Amino acid sequence: MDMNTSQKRATIYFDPDLHRALRVKAAETDQTISDLVNEAVKLSLAEDAEDLAVFEERALEPNLPFEEVLKDLKQRGKI
């Protein structure tokens, strides 16, 4: 990762075993620990964004009371 003035510095404390794994992975992939952590955070935030998008899409779906769902299943012979 190229260091530039737009990057921010943070101190992060890792579990010793996790830190050791990060050091090994960084060495094996010719990346820095910062590169690995940045990528992991980006992936996590992207998953959150996808989850929120799906939630927003489904927010417009009608709410069905549980009792109505059970009644419908019973009427259709599903339970």
C-alpha atoms as a PDB file:
ATOM      1  CA  MET A   1       0.000   0.000   0.000  1.00  0.00           C
ATOM      2  CA  ASP A   2       1.372   3.389  -0.920  1.00  0.00           C
ATOM      3  CA  MET A   3       1.482   5.700   2.063  1.00  0.00           C
ATOM      4  CA  ASN A   4      -0.047   9.087   1.344  1.00  0.00           C
ATOM      5  CA  THR A   5      -1.398  11.984   3.321  1.00  0.00           C
ATOM      6  CA  SER A   6      -5.031  10.867   2.966  1.00  0.00           C
ATOM      7  CA  GLN A   7      -4.464   7.710   5.006  1.00  0.00           C
ATOM      8  CA  LYS A   8      -5.195   7.709   8.727  1.00  0.00           C
ATOM      9  CA  ARG A   9      -3.226   5.917  11.378  1.00  0.00           C
ATOM     10  CA  ALA A  10      -4.844   3.842  14.139  1.00  0.00           C
ATOM     11  CA  THR A  11      -3.510   1.630  16.872  1.00  0.00           C
ATOM     12  CA  ILE A  12      -5.127  -1.804  16.910  1.00  0.00           C
ATOM     13  CA  TYR A  13      -4.501  -4.487  19.519  1.00  0.00           C
ATOM     14  CA  PHE A  14      -4.644  -8.073  18.253  1.00  0.00           C
ATOM     15  CA  ASP A  15      -4.818 -11.353  20.063  1.00  0.00           C
ATOM     16  CA  PRO A  16      -1.228 -12.725  19.914  1.00  0.00           C
ATOM     17  CA  ASP A  17      -2.233 -15.772  17.846  1.00  0.00           C
ATOM     18  CA  LEU A  18      -4.168 -13.618  15.392  1.00  0.00           C
ATOM     19  CA  HIS A  19      -1.230 -11.231  15.090  1.00  0.00           C
ATOM     20  CA  ARG A  20       1.119 -14.128  14.397  1.00  0.00           C
ATOM     21  CA  ALA A  21      -1.241 -15.418  11.690  1.00  0.00           C
ATOM     22  CA  LEU A  22      -1.418 -11.949  10.133  1.00  0.00           C
ATOM     23  CA  ARG A  23       2.376 -11.647  10.112  1.00  0.00           C
ATOM     24  CA  VAL A  24       2.719 -15.040   8.415  1.00  0.00           C
ATOM     25  CA  LYS A  25       0.035 -14.269   5.839  1.00  0.00           C
ATOM     26  CA  ALA A  26       1.540 -10.859   5.138  1.00  0.00           C
ATOM     27  CA  ALA A  27       4.953 -12.423   4.545  1.00  0.00           C
ATOM     28  CA  GLU A  28       3.569 -15.215   2.361  1.00  0.00           C
ATOM     29  CA  THR A  29       1.471 -12.844   0.231  1.00  0.00           C
ATOM     30  CA  ASP A  30       4.047 -10.031   0.075  1.00  0.00           C
ATOM     31  CA  GLN A  31       1.580  -7.616   1.656  1.00  0.00           C
ATOM     32  CA  THR A  32       1.642  -5.558   4.810  1.00  0.00           C
ATOM     33  CA  ILE A  33      -0.530  -6.259   7.821  1.00  0.00           C
ATOM     34  CA  SER A  34      -2.178  -2.902   7.062  1.00  0.00           C
ATOM     35  CA  ASP A  35      -3.035  -4.143   3.553  1.00  0.00           C
ATOM     36  CA  LEU A  36      -4.608  -7.291   4.974  1.00  0.00           C
ATOM     37  CA  VAL A  37      -6.579  -5.447   7.656  1.00  0.00           C
ATOM     38  CA  ASN A  38      -7.777  -2.781   5.210  1.00  0.00           C
ATOM     39  CA  GLU A  39      -9.004  -5.455   2.787  1.00  0.00           C
ATOM     40  CA  ALA A  40     -10.761  -7.389   5.561  1.00  0.00           C
ATOM     41  CA  VAL A  41     -12.511  -4.233   6.785  1.00  0.00           C
ATOM     42  CA  LYS A  42     -13.560  -3.316   3.234  1.00  0.00           C
ATOM     43  CA  LEU A  43     -15.024  -6.794   2.713  1.00  0.00           C
ATOM     44  CA  SER A  44     -16.870  -6.633   6.029  1.00  0.00           C
ATOM     45  CA  LEU A  45     -18.318  -3.201   5.242  1.00  0.00           C
ATOM     46  CA  ALA A  46     -19.326  -4.366   1.745  1.00  0.00           C
ATOM     47  CA  GLU A  47     -21.210  -7.305   3.306  1.00  0.00           C
ATOM     48  CA  ASP A  48     -22.952  -4.896   5.679  1.00  0.00           C
ATOM     49  CA  ALA A  49     -23.935  -2.664   2.731  1.00  0.00           C
ATOM     50  CA  GLU A  50     -25.350  -5.682   0.869  1.00  0.00           C
ATOM     51  CA  ASP A  51     -27.307  -6.762   3.948  1.00  0.00           C
ATOM     52  CA  LEU A  52     -28.742  -3.256   4.372  1.00  0.00           C
ATOM     53  CA  ALA A  53     -29.724  -3.105   0.692  1.00  0.00           C
ATOM     54  CA  VAL A  54     -31.604  -6.404   0.973  1.00  0.00           C
ATOM     55  CA  PHE A  55     -33.256  -5.230   4.186  1.00  0.00           C
ATOM     56  CA  GLU A  56     -34.396  -2.014   2.470  1.00  0.00           C
ATOM     57  CA  GLU A  57     -35.798  -4.001  -0.484  1.00  0.00           C
ATOM     58  CA  ARG A  58     -37.718  -6.309   1.832  1.00  0.00           C
ATOM     59  CA  ALA A  59     -38.973  -3.458   4.024  1.00  0.00           C
ATOM     60  CA  LEU A  60     -41.711  -2.806   1.451  1.00  0.00           C
ATOM     61  CA  GLU A  61     -42.975  -6.388   1.563  1.00  0.00           C
ATOM     62  CA  PRO A  62     -46.231  -6.864   3.442  1.00  0.00           C
ATOM     63  CA  ASN A  63     -46.067  -8.074   7.015  1.00  0.00           C
ATOM     64  CA  LEU A  64     -47.883 -11.334   7.552  1.00  0.00           C
ATOM     65  CA  PRO A  65     -48.912 -12.212  11.070  1.00  0.00           C
ATOM     66  CA  PHE A  66     -47.630 -15.641  12.083  1.00  0.00           C
ATOM     67  CA  GLU A  67     -51.151 -16.831  12.779  1.00  0.00           C
ATOM     68  CA  GLU A  68     -52.220 -16.030   9.205  1.00  0.00           C
ATOM     69  CA  VAL A  69     -49.253 -17.900   7.777  1.00  0.00           C
ATOM     70  CA  LEU A  70     -50.118 -20.964   9.868  1.00  0.00           C
ATOM     71  CA  LYS A  71     -53.799 -20.743   8.891  1.00  0.00           C
ATOM     72  CA  ASP A  72     -52.869 -20.523   5.195  1.00  0.00           C
ATOM     73  CA  LEU A  73     -50.498 -23.485   5.448  1.00  0.00           C
ATOM     74  CA  LYS A  74     -53.183 -25.538   7.172  1.00  0.00           C
ATOM     75  CA  GLN A  75     -55.846 -24.602   4.601  1.00  0.00           C
ATOM     76  CA  ARG A  76     -53.529 -25.636   1.777  1.00  0.00           C
ATOM     77  CA  GLY A  77     -52.783 -28.956   3.496  1.00  0.00           C
ATOM     78  CA  LYS A  78     -49.133 -28.155   4.048  1.00  0.00           C
ATOM     79  CA  ILE A  79     -49.298 -28.782   7.799  1.00  0.00           C
END
